[in-house]
Amino acid sequence: MKIKMLNSKIEYKNGVEIKQLYFNSLLPSVMEISLLFTALLINFVEVGLPTMIETKNKLHDFLFSKLYTFLKKG
């Protein structure tokens, strides 16, 4: 999805170049951005969250095994 929010317009007044930036239309841009964030959120929930939970569980397992071996050696 390509979001194009700004257009530029070049005018010449008395031989001086004047660049203007303006919004195409604010409403579609806001809708496109909200759809983009919704898609990113869905992607995070489907992919990122389980990966984070799995990584956290592996980290806990690793730390507890190290702690156990450390306490076992005493």
PDB file of N, CA and C in Angstrom:
ATOM      1  N   MET A   1       0.850  -1.169   0.000  1.00  0.00           N
ATOM      2  CA  MET A   1       0.000   0.000   0.000  1.00  0.00           C
ATOM      3  C   MET A   1       0.898   1.236   0.000  1.00  0.00           C
ATOM      4  N   LYS A   2       0.667   2.115  -0.942  1.00  0.00           N
ATOM      5  CA  LYS A   2       1.464   3.333  -1.024  1.00  0.00           C
ATOM      6  C   LYS A   2       0.626   4.484  -0.516  1.00  0.00           C
ATOM      7  N   ILE A   3       1.136   5.173   0.487  1.00  0.00           N
ATOM      8  CA  ILE A   3       0.419   6.305   1.057  1.00  0.00           C
ATOM      9  C   ILE A   3       1.058   7.581   0.528  1.00  0.00           C
ATOM     10  N   LYS A   4       0.281   8.343  -0.186  1.00  0.00           N
ATOM     11  CA  LYS A   4       0.795   9.619  -0.708  1.00  0.00           C
ATOM     12  C   LYS A   4      -0.031  10.721  -0.079  1.00  0.00           C
ATOM     13  N   MET A   5       0.547  11.392   0.898  1.00  0.00           N
ATOM     14  CA  MET A   5      -0.210  12.408   1.607  1.00  0.00           C
ATOM     15  C   MET A   5       0.061  13.807   1.071  1.00  0.00           C
ATOM     16  N   LEU A   6       1.280  14.070   0.622  1.00  0.00           N
ATOM     17  CA  LEU A   6       1.642  15.422   0.225  1.00  0.00           C
ATOM     18  C   LEU A   6       1.891  15.515  -1.267  1.00  0.00           C
ATOM     19  N   ASN A   7       1.470  16.592  -1.841  1.00  0.00           N
ATOM     20  CA  ASN A   7       1.824  16.941  -3.204  1.00  0.00           C
ATOM     21  C   ASN A   7       2.633  18.218  -3.145  1.00  0.00           C
ATOM     22  N   SER A   8       3.430  18.453  -4.137  1.00  0.00           N
ATOM     23  CA  SER A   8       4.150  19.717  -4.182  1.00  0.00           C
ATOM     24  C   SER A   8       3.737  20.475  -5.434  1.00  0.00           C
ATOM     25  N   LYS A   9       3.712  21.764  -5.302  1.00  0.00           N
ATOM     26  CA  LYS A   9       3.329  22.619  -6.415  1.00  0.00           C
ATOM     27  C   LYS A   9       4.391  23.698  -6.526  1.00  0.00           C
ATOM     28  N   ILE A  10       4.865  23.930  -7.741  1.00  0.00           N
ATOM     29  CA  ILE A  10       5.883  24.944  -7.963  1.00  0.00           C
ATOM     30  C   ILE A  10       5.251  26.090  -8.750  1.00  0.00           C
ATOM     31  N   GLU A  11       5.371  27.273  -8.195  1.00  0.00           N
ATOM     32  CA  GLU A  11       4.871  28.465  -8.875  1.00  0.00           C
ATOM     33  C   GLU A  11       6.026  29.433  -9.073  1.00  0.00           C
ATOM     34  N   TYR A  12       5.865  30.272 -10.056  1.00  0.00           N
ATOM     35  CA  TYR A  12       6.863  31.321 -10.302  1.00  0.00           C
ATOM     36  C   TYR A  12       6.192  32.674 -10.156  1.00  0.00           C
ATOM     37  N   LYS A  13       6.725  33.494  -9.252  1.00  0.00           N
ATOM     38  CA  LYS A  13       6.232  34.852  -9.085  1.00  0.00           C
ATOM     39  C   LYS A  13       7.421  35.791  -9.196  1.00  0.00           C
ATOM     40  N   ASN A  14       7.360  36.679 -10.178  1.00  0.00           N
ATOM     41  CA  ASN A  14       8.444  37.631 -10.429  1.00  0.00           C
ATOM     42  C   ASN A  14       9.775  36.912 -10.635  1.00  0.00           C
ATOM     43  N   GLY A  15       9.740  35.765 -11.301  1.00  0.00           N
ATOM     44  CA  GLY A  15      10.962  35.035 -11.589  1.00  0.00           C
ATOM     45  C   GLY A  15      11.503  34.239 -10.418  1.00  0.00           C
ATOM     46  N   VAL A  16      10.779  34.195  -9.277  1.00  0.00           N
ATOM     47  CA  VAL A  16      11.230  33.454  -8.095  1.00  0.00           C
ATOM     48  C   VAL A  16      10.402  32.183  -7.980  1.00  0.00           C
ATOM     49  N   GLU A  17      11.120  31.073  -7.815  1.00  0.00           N
ATOM     50  CA  GLU A  17      10.442  29.778  -7.703  1.00  0.00           C
ATOM     51  C   GLU A  17       9.898  29.618  -6.287  1.00  0.00           C
ATOM     52  N   ILE A  18       8.624  29.320  -6.178  1.00  0.00           N
ATOM     53  CA  ILE A  18       7.989  29.128  -4.872  1.00  0.00           C
ATOM     54  C   ILE A  18       7.455  27.701  -4.836  1.00  0.00           C
ATOM     55  N   LYS A  19       7.937  26.917  -3.887  1.00  0.00           N
ATOM     56  CA  LYS A  19       7.455  25.537  -3.733  1.00  0.00           C
ATOM     57  C   LYS A  19       6.429  25.502  -2.612  1.00  0.00           C
ATOM     58  N   GLN A  20       5.331  24.849  -2.876  1.00  0.00           N
ATOM     59  CA  GLN A  20       4.294  24.697  -1.863  1.00  0.00           C
ATOM     60  C   GLN A  20       4.001  23.214  -1.670  1.00  0.00           C
ATOM     61  N   LEU A  21       3.853  22.814  -0.426  1.00  0.00           N
ATOM     62  CA  LEU A  21       3.418  21.457  -0.117  1.00  0.00           C
ATOM     63  C   LEU A  21       1.983  21.528   0.377  1.00  0.00           C
ATOM     64  N   TYR A  22       1.153  20.635  -0.089  1.00  0.00           N
ATOM     65  CA  TYR A  22      -0.219  20.622   0.371  1.00  0.00           C
ATOM     66  C   TYR A  22      -0.710  19.182   0.426  1.00  0.00           C
ATOM     67  N   PHE A  23      -1.712  18.960   1.243  1.00  0.00           N
ATOM     68  CA  PHE A  23      -2.284  17.630   1.389  1.00  0.00           C
ATOM     69  C   PHE A  23      -3.223  17.350   0.222  1.00  0.00           C
ATOM     70  N   ASN A  24      -3.142  16.126  -0.310  1.00  0.00           N
ATOM     71  CA  ASN A  24      -4.092  15.727  -1.357  1.00  0.00           C
ATOM     72  C   ASN A  24      -5.508  15.844  -0.823  1.00  0.00           C
ATOM     73  N   SER A  25      -5.803  15.050   0.151  1.00  0.00           N
ATOM     74  CA  SER A  25      -7.049  15.170   0.897  1.00  0.00           C
ATOM     75  C   SER A  25      -6.793  14.452   2.208  1.00  0.00           C
ATOM     76  N   LEU A  26      -7.179  15.065   3.271  1.00  0.00           N
ATOM     77  CA  LEU A  26      -6.808  14.565   4.596  1.00  0.00           C
ATOM     78  C   LEU A  26      -7.542  13.283   4.958  1.00  0.00           C
ATOM     79  N   LEU A  27      -8.816  13.185   4.605  1.00  0.00           N
ATOM     80  CA  LEU A  27      -9.625  12.045   5.036  1.00  0.00           C
ATOM     81  C   LEU A  27      -9.114  10.703   4.509  1.00  0.00           C
ATOM     82  N   PRO A  28      -8.837  10.544   3.209  1.00  0.00           N
ATOM     83  CA  PRO A  28      -8.301   9.245   2.756  1.00  0.00           C
ATOM     84  C   PRO A  28      -6.944   8.936   3.372  1.00  0.00           C
ATOM     85  N   SER A  29      -6.135   9.965   3.592  1.00  0.00           N
ATOM     86  CA  SER A  29      -4.824   9.726   4.177  1.00  0.00           C
ATOM     87  C   SER A  29      -4.969   9.176   5.596  1.00  0.00           C
ATOM     88  N   VAL A  30      -5.871   9.760   6.371  1.00  0.00           N
ATOM     89  CA  VAL A  30      -6.100   9.281   7.735  1.00  0.00           C
ATOM     90  C   VAL A  30      -6.636   7.858   7.708  1.00  0.00           C
ATOM     91  N   MET A  31      -7.529   7.574   6.768  1.00  0.00           N
ATOM     92  CA  MET A  31      -8.074   6.216   6.661  1.00  0.00           C
ATOM     93  C   MET A  31      -6.981   5.226   6.257  1.00  0.00           C
ATOM     94  N   GLU A  32      -6.131   5.627   5.298  1.00  0.00           N
ATOM     95  CA  GLU A  32      -5.059   4.730   4.871  1.00  0.00           C
ATOM     96  C   GLU A  32      -4.075   4.477   6.008  1.00  0.00           C
ATOM     97  N   ILE A  33      -3.735   5.518   6.756  1.00  0.00           N
ATOM     98  CA  ILE A  33      -2.797   5.354   7.866  1.00  0.00           C
ATOM     99  C   ILE A  33      -3.413   4.465   8.944  1.00  0.00           C
ATOM    100  N   SER A  34      -4.696   4.655   9.242  1.00  0.00           N
ATOM    101  CA  SER A  34      -5.320   3.808  10.266  1.00  0.00           C
ATOM    102  C   SER A  34      -5.387   2.355   9.802  1.00  0.00           C
ATOM    103  N   LEU A  35      -5.621   2.129   8.500  1.00  0.00           N
ATOM    104  CA  LEU A  35      -5.607   0.757   7.980  1.00  0.00           C
ATOM    105  C   LEU A  35      -4.206   0.155   8.074  1.00  0.00           C
ATOM    106  N   LEU A  36      -3.200   0.982   7.805  1.00  0.00           N
ATOM    107  CA  LEU A  36      -1.822   0.501   7.897  1.00  0.00           C
ATOM    108  C   LEU A  36      -1.486   0.096   9.329  1.00  0.00           C
ATOM    109  N   PHE A  37      -1.860   0.941  10.305  1.00  0.00           N
ATOM    110  CA  PHE A  37      -1.596   0.603  11.700  1.00  0.00           C
ATOM    111  C   PHE A  37      -2.384  -0.616  12.140  1.00  0.00           C
ATOM    112  N   THR A  38      -3.605  -0.760  11.647  1.00  0.00           N
ATOM    113  CA  THR A  38      -4.399  -1.948  11.973  1.00  0.00           C
ATOM    114  C   THR A  38      -3.720  -3.201  11.432  1.00  0.00           C
ATOM    115  N   ALA A  39      -3.211  -3.111  10.193  1.00  0.00           N
ATOM    116  CA  ALA A  39      -2.518  -4.261   9.607  1.00  0.00           C
ATOM    117  C   ALA A  39      -1.253  -4.589  10.389  1.00  0.00           C
ATOM    118  N   LEU A  40      -0.521  -3.557  10.818  1.00  0.00           N
ATOM    119  CA  LEU A  40       0.682  -3.800  11.616  1.00  0.00           C
ATOM    120  C   LEU A  40       0.338  -4.429  12.957  1.00  0.00           C
ATOM    121  N   LEU A  41      -0.746  -3.974  13.573  1.00  0.00           N
ATOM    122  CA  LEU A  41      -1.166  -4.529  14.861  1.00  0.00           C
ATOM    123  C   LEU A  41      -1.571  -5.992  14.713  1.00  0.00           C
ATOM    124  N   ILE A  42      -2.334  -6.305  13.662  1.00  0.00           N
ATOM    125  CA  ILE A  42      -2.738  -7.693  13.421  1.00  0.00           C
ATOM    126  C   ILE A  42      -1.511  -8.558  13.171  1.00  0.00           C
ATOM    127  N   ASN A  43      -0.556  -8.050  12.404  1.00  0.00           N
ATOM    128  CA  ASN A  43       0.675  -8.783  12.126  1.00  0.00           C
ATOM    129  C   ASN A  43       1.448  -9.033  13.418  1.00  0.00           C
ATOM    130  N   PHE A  44       1.507  -8.032  14.301  1.00  0.00           N
ATOM    131  CA  PHE A  44       2.216  -8.201  15.572  1.00  0.00           C
ATOM    132  C   PHE A  44       1.536  -9.254  16.439  1.00  0.00           C
ATOM    133  N   VAL A  45       0.201  -9.207  16.499  1.00  0.00           N
ATOM    134  CA  VAL A  45      -0.528 -10.162  17.342  1.00  0.00           C
ATOM    135  C   VAL A  45      -0.371 -11.578  16.805  1.00  0.00           C
ATOM    136  N   GLU A  46      -0.411 -11.735  15.470  1.00  0.00           N
ATOM    137  CA  GLU A  46      -0.326 -13.079  14.886  1.00  0.00           C
ATOM    138  C   GLU A  46       1.095 -13.630  14.898  1.00  0.00           C
ATOM    139  N   VAL A  47       2.087 -12.773  14.656  1.00  0.00           N
ATOM    140  CA  VAL A  47       3.460 -13.243  14.485  1.00  0.00           C
ATOM    141  C   VAL A  47       4.335 -12.861  15.667  1.00  0.00           C
ATOM    142  N   GLY A  48       4.334 -11.590  16.021  1.00  0.00           N
ATOM    143  CA  GLY A  48       5.263 -11.091  17.029  1.00  0.00           C
ATOM    144  C   GLY A  48       4.981 -11.568  18.435  1.00  0.00           C
ATOM    145  N   LEU A  49       3.712 -11.571  18.818  1.00  0.00           N
ATOM    146  CA  LEU A  49       3.363 -11.922  20.196  1.00  0.00           C
ATOM    147  C   LEU A  49       3.706 -13.371  20.529  1.00  0.00           C
ATOM    148  N   PRO A  50       3.309 -14.349  19.701  1.00  0.00           N
ATOM    149  CA  PRO A  50       3.718 -15.731  20.013  1.00  0.00           C
ATOM    150  C   PRO A  50       5.239 -15.902  20.030  1.00  0.00           C
ATOM    151  N   THR A  51       5.935 -15.196  19.140  1.00  0.00           N
ATOM    152  CA  THR A  51       7.395 -15.281  19.114  1.00  0.00           C
ATOM    153  C   THR A  51       7.980 -14.725  20.403  1.00  0.00           C
ATOM    154  N   MET A  52       7.424 -13.593  20.863  1.00  0.00           N
ATOM    155  CA  MET A  52       7.913 -13.005  22.116  1.00  0.00           C
ATOM    156  C   MET A  52       7.655 -13.943  23.294  1.00  0.00           C
ATOM    157  N   ILE A  53       6.473 -14.543  23.335  1.00  0.00           N
ATOM    158  CA  ILE A  53       6.137 -15.459  24.440  1.00  0.00           C
ATOM    159  C   ILE A  53       7.061 -16.674  24.401  1.00  0.00           C
ATOM    160  N   GLU A  54       7.306 -17.201  23.203  1.00  0.00           N
ATOM    161  CA  GLU A  54       8.190 -18.359  23.058  1.00  0.00           C
ATOM    162  C   GLU A  54       9.613 -17.998  23.490  1.00  0.00           C
ATOM    163  N   THR A  55      10.074 -16.833  23.086  1.00  0.00           N
ATOM    164  CA  THR A  55      11.417 -16.379  23.460  1.00  0.00           C
ATOM    165  C   THR A  55      11.512 -16.196  24.972  1.00  0.00           C
ATOM    166  N   LYS A  56      10.468 -15.614  25.566  1.00  0.00           N
ATOM    167  CA  LYS A  56      10.447 -15.413  27.015  1.00  0.00           C
ATOM    168  C   LYS A  56      10.495 -16.750  27.746  1.00  0.00           C
ATOM    169  N   ASN A  57       9.726 -17.731  27.251  1.00  0.00           N
ATOM    170  CA  ASN A  57       9.725 -19.049  27.881  1.00  0.00           C
ATOM    171  C   ASN A  57      11.090 -19.718  27.765  1.00  0.00           C
ATOM    172  N   LYS A  58      11.727 -19.609  26.592  1.00  0.00           N
ATOM    173  CA  LYS A  58      13.060 -20.188  26.419  1.00  0.00           C
ATOM    174  C   LYS A  58      14.065 -19.508  27.333  1.00  0.00           C
ATOM    175  N   LEU A  59      13.948 -18.189  27.463  1.00  0.00           N
ATOM    176  CA  LEU A  59      14.858 -17.441  28.340  1.00  0.00           C
ATOM    177  C   LEU A  59      14.674 -17.869  29.789  1.00  0.00           C
ATOM    178  N   HIS A  60      13.419 -18.008  30.209  1.00  0.00           N
ATOM    179  CA  HIS A  60      13.162 -18.457  31.585  1.00  0.00           C
ATOM    180  C   HIS A  60      13.723 -19.849  31.818  1.00  0.00           C
ATOM    181  N   ASP A  61      13.499 -20.750  30.843  1.00  0.00           N
ATOM    182  CA  ASP A  61      14.029 -22.108  30.976  1.00  0.00           C
ATOM    183  C   ASP A  61      15.554 -22.084  31.096  1.00  0.00           C
ATOM    184  N   PHE A  62      16.192 -21.275  30.278  1.00  0.00           N
ATOM    185  CA  PHE A  62      17.652 -21.178  30.298  1.00  0.00           C
ATOM    186  C   PHE A  62      18.136 -20.629  31.637  1.00  0.00           C
ATOM    187  N   LEU A  63      17.503 -19.543  32.095  1.00  0.00           N
ATOM    188  CA  LEU A  63      17.944 -18.928  33.358  1.00  0.00           C
ATOM    189  C   LEU A  63      17.712 -19.857  34.549  1.00  0.00           C
ATOM    190  N   PHE A  64      16.555 -20.531  34.565  1.00  0.00           N
ATOM    191  CA  PHE A  64      16.290 -21.444  35.670  1.00  0.00           C
ATOM    192  C   PHE A  64      17.223 -22.648  35.656  1.00  0.00           C
ATOM    193  N   SER A  65      17.592 -23.121  34.458  1.00  0.00           N
ATOM    194  CA  SER A  65      18.531 -24.240  34.404  1.00  0.00           C
ATOM    195  C   SER A  65      19.901 -23.798  34.904  1.00  0.00           C
ATOM    196  N   LYS A  66      20.325 -22.579  34.549  1.00  0.00           N
ATOM    197  CA  LYS A  66      21.603 -22.062  35.046  1.00  0.00           C
ATOM    198  C   LYS A  66      21.563 -21.875  36.554  1.00  0.00           C
ATOM    199  N   LEU A  67      20.450 -21.339  37.050  1.00  0.00           N
ATOM    200  CA  LEU A  67      20.303 -21.144  38.492  1.00  0.00           C
ATOM    201  C   LEU A  67      20.316 -22.488  39.218  1.00  0.00           C
ATOM    202  N   TYR A  68      19.641 -23.477  38.645  1.00  0.00           N
ATOM    203  CA  TYR A  68      19.594 -24.807  39.260  1.00  0.00           C
ATOM    204  C   TYR A  68      20.988 -25.431  39.320  1.00  0.00           C
ATOM    205  N   THR A  69      21.734 -25.351  38.202  1.00  0.00           N
ATOM    206  CA  THR A  69      23.081 -25.939  38.210  1.00  0.00           C
ATOM    207  C   THR A  69      24.002 -25.174  39.162  1.00  0.00           C
ATOM    208  N   PHE A  70      23.822 -23.863  39.271  1.00  0.00           N
ATOM    209  CA  PHE A  70      24.631 -23.069  40.191  1.00  0.00           C
ATOM    210  C   PHE A  70      24.338 -23.456  41.634  1.00  0.00           C
ATOM    211  N   LEU A  71      23.039 -23.596  41.957  1.00  0.00           N
ATOM    212  CA  LEU A  71      22.670 -23.969  43.328  1.00  0.00           C
ATOM    213  C   LEU A  71      23.054 -25.416  43.624  1.00  0.00           C
ATOM    214  N   LYS A  72      23.006 -26.287  42.609  1.00  0.00           N
ATOM    215  CA  LYS A  72      23.351 -27.686  42.794  1.00  0.00           C
ATOM    216  C   LYS A  72      24.837 -27.833  43.112  1.00  0.00           C
ATOM    217  N   LYS A  73      25.674 -27.033  42.427  1.00  0.00           N
ATOM    218  CA  LYS A  73      27.116 -27.079  42.687  1.00  0.00           C
ATOM    219  C   LYS A  73      27.431 -26.503  44.068  1.00  0.00           C
ATOM    220  N   GLY A  74      26.609 -25.550  44.496  1.00  0.00           N
ATOM    221  CA  GLY A  74      26.688 -24.968  45.815  1.00  0.00           C
ATOM    222  C   GLY A  74      27.935 -24.264  46.093  1.00  0.00           C
TER     223      GLY A  74
END
